[in-house]
Amino acid sequence: MAIKKTGDKWSVDIRPNGAEGKRVQRRFSTKAEAVRFENYVRGEVKNDKEWNPETDNRKLSDLV
């Protein structure tokens, strides 16, 4: 699980891009803040076009 209670704080520890990606760690005073942050980070990764290959704008007739 990416969110754990450590002492009196909630700890977020995720790797949104997988094992080879950047690790994100933060501590929050409430669990709701931790969940919102985790969702925000995961949402940013989905919207990031860096991992998407370049689109091929050729028409099918050009390929044939």
PDB file of N, CA and C in Angstrom:
ATOM      1  N   MET A   1       0.844  -1.175   0.000  1.00  0.00           N
ATOM      2  CA  MET A   1       0.000   0.000   0.000  1.00  0.00           C
ATOM      3  C   MET A   1       0.892   1.242   0.000  1.00  0.00           C
ATOM      4  N   ALA A   2       0.499   2.249  -0.693  1.00  0.00           N
ATOM      5  CA  ALA A   2       1.312   3.442  -0.849  1.00  0.00           C
ATOM      6  C   ALA A   2       1.127   4.427   0.304  1.00  0.00           C
ATOM      7  N   ILE A   3       0.043   4.308   1.044  1.00  0.00           N
ATOM      8  CA  ILE A   3      -0.214   5.226   2.154  1.00  0.00           C
ATOM      9  C   ILE A   3      -0.178   4.431   3.453  1.00  0.00           C
ATOM     10  N   LYS A   4       0.691   4.872   4.382  1.00  0.00           N
ATOM     11  CA  LYS A   4       0.815   4.188   5.674  1.00  0.00           C
ATOM     12  C   LYS A   4       0.836   5.217   6.792  1.00  0.00           C
ATOM     13  N   LYS A   5       0.415   4.798   7.957  1.00  0.00           N
ATOM     14  CA  LYS A   5       0.479   5.657   9.139  1.00  0.00           C
ATOM     15  C   LYS A   5       1.822   5.418   9.819  1.00  0.00           C
ATOM     16  N   THR A   6       2.599   6.473   9.953  1.00  0.00           N
ATOM     17  CA  THR A   6       3.891   6.392  10.630  1.00  0.00           C
ATOM     18  C   THR A   6       3.880   7.400  11.771  1.00  0.00           C
ATOM     19  N   GLY A   7       3.768   6.903  12.976  1.00  0.00           N
ATOM     20  CA  GLY A   7       3.672   7.791  14.131  1.00  0.00           C
ATOM     21  C   GLY A   7       2.353   8.536  14.113  1.00  0.00           C
ATOM     22  N   ASP A   8       2.414   9.859  14.114  1.00  0.00           N
ATOM     23  CA  ASP A   8       1.183  10.643  14.060  1.00  0.00           C
ATOM     24  C   ASP A   8       0.937  11.234  12.673  1.00  0.00           C
ATOM     25  N   LYS A   9       1.740  10.857  11.677  1.00  0.00           N
ATOM     26  CA  LYS A   9       1.614  11.372  10.309  1.00  0.00           C
ATOM     27  C   LYS A   9       1.246  10.248   9.350  1.00  0.00           C
ATOM     28  N   TRP A  10       0.718  10.634   8.178  1.00  0.00           N
ATOM     29  CA  TRP A  10       0.422   9.696   7.099  1.00  0.00           C
ATOM     30  C   TRP A  10       1.488   9.860   6.035  1.00  0.00           C
ATOM     31  N   SER A  11       2.084   8.759   5.635  1.00  0.00           N
ATOM     32  CA  SER A  11       3.197   8.764   4.703  1.00  0.00           C
ATOM     33  C   SER A  11       2.741   8.228   3.340  1.00  0.00           C
ATOM     34  N   VAL A  12       3.062   8.965   2.274  1.00  0.00           N
ATOM     35  CA  VAL A  12       2.777   8.545   0.900  1.00  0.00           C
ATOM     36  C   VAL A  12       4.108   8.191   0.254  1.00  0.00           C
ATOM     37  N   ASP A  13       4.211   6.989  -0.268  1.00  0.00           N
ATOM     38  CA  ASP A  13       5.438   6.509  -0.908  1.00  0.00           C
ATOM     39  C   ASP A  13       5.034   5.759  -2.172  1.00  0.00           C
ATOM     40  N   ILE A  14       5.152   6.415  -3.329  1.00  0.00           N
ATOM     41  CA  ILE A  14       4.723   5.792  -4.583  1.00  0.00           C
ATOM     42  C   ILE A  14       5.776   5.984  -5.664  1.00  0.00           C
ATOM     43  N   ARG A  15       5.717   5.112  -6.641  1.00  0.00           N
ATOM     44  CA  ARG A  15       6.503   5.224  -7.872  1.00  0.00           C
ATOM     45  C   ARG A  15       5.489   5.195  -9.016  1.00  0.00           C
ATOM     46  N   PRO A  16       4.993   6.363  -9.415  1.00  0.00           N
ATOM     47  CA  PRO A  16       3.910   6.398 -10.397  1.00  0.00           C
ATOM     48  C   PRO A  16       4.288   5.878 -11.775  1.00  0.00           C
ATOM     49  N   ASN A  17       5.569   5.870 -12.132  1.00  0.00           N
ATOM     50  CA  ASN A  17       5.997   5.373 -13.442  1.00  0.00           C
ATOM     51  C   ASN A  17       6.541   3.957 -13.382  1.00  0.00           C
ATOM     52  N   GLY A  18       6.324   3.261 -12.297  1.00  0.00           N
ATOM     53  CA  GLY A  18       6.817   1.906 -12.169  1.00  0.00           C
ATOM     54  C   GLY A  18       8.143   1.859 -11.430  1.00  0.00           C
ATOM     55  N   ALA A  19       8.739   0.690 -11.411  1.00  0.00           N
ATOM     56  CA  ALA A  19       9.951   0.465 -10.631  1.00  0.00           C
ATOM     57  C   ALA A  19      11.131   1.307 -11.100  1.00  0.00           C
ATOM     58  N   GLU A  20      11.192   1.617 -12.379  1.00  0.00           N
ATOM     59  CA  GLU A  20      12.308   2.394 -12.913  1.00  0.00           C
ATOM     60  C   GLU A  20      12.057   3.899 -12.843  1.00  0.00           C
ATOM     61  N   GLY A  21      10.852   4.306 -12.453  1.00  0.00           N
ATOM     62  CA  GLY A  21      10.507   5.721 -12.439  1.00  0.00           C
ATOM     63  C   GLY A  21      10.908   6.430 -11.163  1.00  0.00           C
ATOM     64  N   LYS A  22      10.601   7.717 -11.115  1.00  0.00           N
ATOM     65  CA  LYS A  22      10.928   8.558  -9.987  1.00  0.00           C
ATOM     66  C   LYS A  22      10.066   8.184  -8.778  1.00  0.00           C
ATOM     67  N   ARG A  23      10.678   8.155  -7.605  1.00  0.00           N
ATOM     68  CA  ARG A  23       9.974   7.825  -6.367  1.00  0.00           C
ATOM     69  C   ARG A  23       9.509   9.124  -5.706  1.00  0.00           C
ATOM     70  N   VAL A  24       8.248   9.138  -5.255  1.00  0.00           N
ATOM     71  CA  VAL A  24       7.682  10.314  -4.611  1.00  0.00           C
ATOM     72  C   VAL A  24       7.316   9.949  -3.176  1.00  0.00           C
ATOM     73  N   GLN A  25       7.854  10.717  -2.215  1.00  0.00           N
ATOM     74  CA  GLN A  25       7.572  10.483  -0.804  1.00  0.00           C
ATOM     75  C   GLN A  25       7.158  11.795  -0.159  1.00  0.00           C
ATOM     76  N   ARG A  26       6.047  11.771   0.574  1.00  0.00           N
ATOM     77  CA  ARG A  26       5.594  12.946   1.320  1.00  0.00           C
ATOM     78  C   ARG A  26       4.904  12.482   2.590  1.00  0.00           C
ATOM     79  N   ARG A  27       4.831  13.377   3.572  1.00  0.00           N
ATOM     80  CA  ARG A  27       4.127  13.089   4.835  1.00  0.00           C
ATOM     81  C   ARG A  27       3.063  14.145   5.050  1.00  0.00           C
ATOM     82  N   PHE A  28       1.887  13.699   5.526  1.00  0.00           N
ATOM     83  CA  PHE A  28       0.747  14.582   5.745  1.00  0.00           C
ATOM     84  C   PHE A  28       0.152  14.325   7.118  1.00  0.00           C
ATOM     85  N   SER A  29      -0.564  15.312   7.629  1.00  0.00           N
ATOM     86  CA  SER A  29      -1.148  15.172   8.956  1.00  0.00           C
ATOM     87  C   SER A  29      -2.480  14.427   8.922  1.00  0.00           C
ATOM     88  N   THR A  30      -3.166  14.406   7.776  1.00  0.00           N
ATOM     89  CA  THR A  30      -4.437  13.672   7.685  1.00  0.00           C
ATOM     90  C   THR A  30      -4.384  12.673   6.531  1.00  0.00           C
ATOM     91  N   LYS A  31      -5.174  11.632   6.643  1.00  0.00           N
ATOM     92  CA  LYS A  31      -5.218  10.614   5.598  1.00  0.00           C
ATOM     93  C   LYS A  31      -5.859  11.168   4.330  1.00  0.00           C
ATOM     94  N   ALA A  32      -6.846  12.049   4.478  1.00  0.00           N
ATOM     95  CA  ALA A  32      -7.512  12.635   3.312  1.00  0.00           C
ATOM     96  C   ALA A  32      -6.519  13.412   2.452  1.00  0.00           C
ATOM     97  N   GLU A  33      -5.627  14.169   3.081  1.00  0.00           N
ATOM     98  CA  GLU A  33      -4.602  14.899   2.335  1.00  0.00           C
ATOM     99  C   GLU A  33      -3.678  13.932   1.593  1.00  0.00           C
ATOM    100  N   ALA A  34      -3.316  12.851   2.257  1.00  0.00           N
ATOM    101  CA  ALA A  34      -2.428  11.852   1.651  1.00  0.00           C
ATOM    102  C   ALA A  34      -3.085  11.201   0.435  1.00  0.00           C
ATOM    103  N   VAL A  35      -4.355  10.865   0.544  1.00  0.00           N
ATOM    104  CA  VAL A  35      -5.076  10.237  -0.568  1.00  0.00           C
ATOM    105  C   VAL A  35      -5.201  11.218  -1.731  1.00  0.00           C
ATOM    106  N   ARG A  36      -5.525  12.473  -1.435  1.00  0.00           N
ATOM    107  CA  ARG A  36      -5.628  13.486  -2.497  1.00  0.00           C
ATOM    108  C   ARG A  36      -4.296  13.674  -3.209  1.00  0.00           C
ATOM    109  N   PHE A  37      -3.200  13.693  -2.471  1.00  0.00           N
ATOM    110  CA  PHE A  37      -1.884  13.860  -3.075  1.00  0.00           C
ATOM    111  C   PHE A  37      -1.545  12.664  -3.963  1.00  0.00           C
ATOM    112  N   GLU A  38      -1.814  11.460  -3.476  1.00  0.00           N
ATOM    113  CA  GLU A  38      -1.533  10.263  -4.271  1.00  0.00           C
ATOM    114  C   GLU A  38      -2.332  10.282  -5.573  1.00  0.00           C
ATOM    115  N   ASN A  39      -3.606  10.630  -5.503  1.00  0.00           N
ATOM    116  CA  ASN A  39      -4.433  10.706  -6.711  1.00  0.00           C
ATOM    117  C   ASN A  39      -3.932  11.784  -7.662  1.00  0.00           C
ATOM    118  N   TYR A  40      -3.487  12.902  -7.112  1.00  0.00           N
ATOM    119  CA  TYR A  40      -2.948  13.988  -7.938  1.00  0.00           C
ATOM    120  C   TYR A  40      -1.698  13.527  -8.688  1.00  0.00           C
ATOM    121  N   VAL A  41      -0.774  12.874  -7.992  1.00  0.00           N
ATOM    122  CA  VAL A  41       0.469  12.425  -8.623  1.00  0.00           C
ATOM    123  C   VAL A  41       0.181  11.387  -9.689  1.00  0.00           C
ATOM    124  N   ARG A  42      -0.688  10.446  -9.394  1.00  0.00           N
ATOM    125  CA  ARG A  42      -1.020   9.422 -10.388  1.00  0.00           C
ATOM    126  C   ARG A  42      -1.740  10.040 -11.588  1.00  0.00           C
ATOM    127  N   GLY A  43      -2.565  11.056 -11.356  1.00  0.00           N
ATOM    128  CA  GLY A  43      -3.252  11.749 -12.447  1.00  0.00           C
ATOM    129  C   GLY A  43      -2.293  12.522 -13.331  1.00  0.00           C
ATOM    130  N   GLU A  44      -1.269  13.120 -12.746  1.00  0.00           N
ATOM    131  CA  GLU A  44      -0.266  13.848 -13.521  1.00  0.00           C
ATOM    132  C   GLU A  44       0.490  12.908 -14.443  1.00  0.00           C
ATOM    133  N   VAL A  45       0.736  11.699 -13.989  1.00  0.00           N
ATOM    134  CA  VAL A  45       1.452  10.727 -14.818  1.00  0.00           C
ATOM    135  C   VAL A  45       0.595  10.328 -16.012  1.00  0.00           C
ATOM    136  N   LYS A  46      -0.701  10.163 -15.807  1.00  0.00           N
ATOM    137  CA  LYS A  46      -1.589   9.790 -16.911  1.00  0.00           C
ATOM    138  C   LYS A  46      -1.668  10.896 -17.955  1.00  0.00           C
ATOM    139  N   ASN A  47      -1.619  12.155 -17.521  1.00  0.00           N
ATOM    140  CA  ASN A  47      -1.722  13.279 -18.444  1.00  0.00           C
ATOM    141  C   ASN A  47      -0.395  13.634 -19.098  1.00  0.00           C
ATOM    142  N   ASP A  48       0.682  13.075 -18.607  1.00  0.00           N
ATOM    143  CA  ASP A  48       2.005  13.371 -19.143  1.00  0.00           C
ATOM    144  C   ASP A  48       2.186  12.632 -20.463  1.00  0.00           C
ATOM    145  N   LYS A  49       2.525  13.343 -21.504  1.00  0.00           N
ATOM    146  CA  LYS A  49       2.676  12.743 -22.830  1.00  0.00           C
ATOM    147  C   LYS A  49       4.068  12.184 -23.063  1.00  0.00           C
ATOM    148  N   GLU A  50       4.957  12.310 -22.073  1.00  0.00           N
ATOM    149  CA  GLU A  50       6.337  11.879 -22.233  1.00  0.00           C
ATOM    150  C   GLU A  50       6.465  10.389 -22.572  1.00  0.00           C
ATOM    151  N   TRP A  51       5.649   9.565 -21.985  1.00  0.00           N
ATOM    152  CA  TRP A  51       5.785   8.130 -22.190  1.00  0.00           C
ATOM    153  C   TRP A  51       5.063   7.658 -23.441  1.00  0.00           C
ATOM    154  N   ASN A  52       4.222   8.512 -24.039  1.00  0.00           N
ATOM    155  CA  ASN A  52       3.500   8.120 -25.249  1.00  0.00           C
ATOM    156  C   ASN A  52       4.408   8.235 -26.464  1.00  0.00           C
ATOM    157  N   PRO A  53       4.333   7.272 -27.361  1.00  0.00           N
ATOM    158  CA  PRO A  53       5.123   7.400 -28.583  1.00  0.00           C
ATOM    159  C   PRO A  53       4.539   8.507 -29.461  1.00  0.00           C
ATOM    160  N   GLU A  54       5.354   8.997 -30.384  1.00  0.00           N
ATOM    161  CA  GLU A  54       4.854  10.017 -31.297  1.00  0.00           C
ATOM    162  C   GLU A  54       3.780   9.413 -32.185  1.00  0.00           C
ATOM    163  N   THR A  55       2.764  10.211 -32.497  1.00  0.00           N
ATOM    164  CA  THR A  55       1.670   9.708 -33.322  1.00  0.00           C
ATOM    165  C   THR A  55       2.081   9.724 -34.783  1.00  0.00           C
ATOM    166  N   ASP A  56       1.575   8.779 -35.510  1.00  0.00           N
ATOM    167  CA  ASP A  56       1.832   8.675 -36.937  1.00  0.00           C
ATOM    168  C   ASP A  56       0.625   9.267 -37.666  1.00  0.00           C
ATOM    169  N   ASN A  57       0.797  10.402 -38.324  1.00  0.00           N
ATOM    170  CA  ASN A  57      -0.311  11.104 -38.949  1.00  0.00           C
ATOM    171  C   ASN A  57      -0.520  10.717 -40.411  1.00  0.00           C
ATOM    172  N   ARG A  58       0.159   9.664 -40.873  1.00  0.00           N
ATOM    173  CA  ARG A  58      -0.027   9.242 -42.264  1.00  0.00           C
ATOM    174  C   ARG A  58      -1.387   8.582 -42.409  1.00  0.00           C
ATOM    175  N   LYS A  59      -1.946   8.693 -43.609  1.00  0.00           N
ATOM    176  CA  LYS A  59      -3.212   8.051 -43.920  1.00  0.00           C
ATOM    177  C   LYS A  59      -2.963   6.574 -44.232  1.00  0.00           C
ATOM    178  N   LEU A  60      -3.984   5.781 -44.088  1.00  0.00           N
ATOM    179  CA  LEU A  60      -3.873   4.353 -44.361  1.00  0.00           C
ATOM    180  C   LEU A  60      -3.504   4.128 -45.816  1.00  0.00           C
ATOM    181  N   SER A  61      -4.054   4.936 -46.728  1.00  0.00           N
ATOM    182  CA  SER A  61      -3.732   4.783 -48.159  1.00  0.00           C
ATOM    183  C   SER A  61      -2.247   5.065 -48.428  1.00  0.00           C
ATOM    184  N   ASP A  62      -1.620   5.949 -47.651  1.00  0.00           N
ATOM    185  CA  ASP A  62      -0.187   6.208 -47.809  1.00  0.00           C
ATOM    186  C   ASP A  62       0.639   5.016 -47.370  1.00  0.00           C
ATOM    187  N   LEU A  63       0.176   4.307 -46.375  1.00  0.00           N
ATOM    188  CA  LEU A  63       0.914   3.140 -45.885  1.00  0.00           C
ATOM    189  C   LEU A  63       0.800   1.951 -46.816  1.00  0.00           C
ATOM    190  N   VAL A  64      -0.339   1.856 -47.513  1.00  0.00           N
ATOM    191  CA  VAL A  64      -0.548   0.746 -48.434  1.00  0.00           C
ATOM    192  C   VAL A  64       0.102   1.065 -49.729  1.00  0.00           C
TER     193      VAL A  64
END
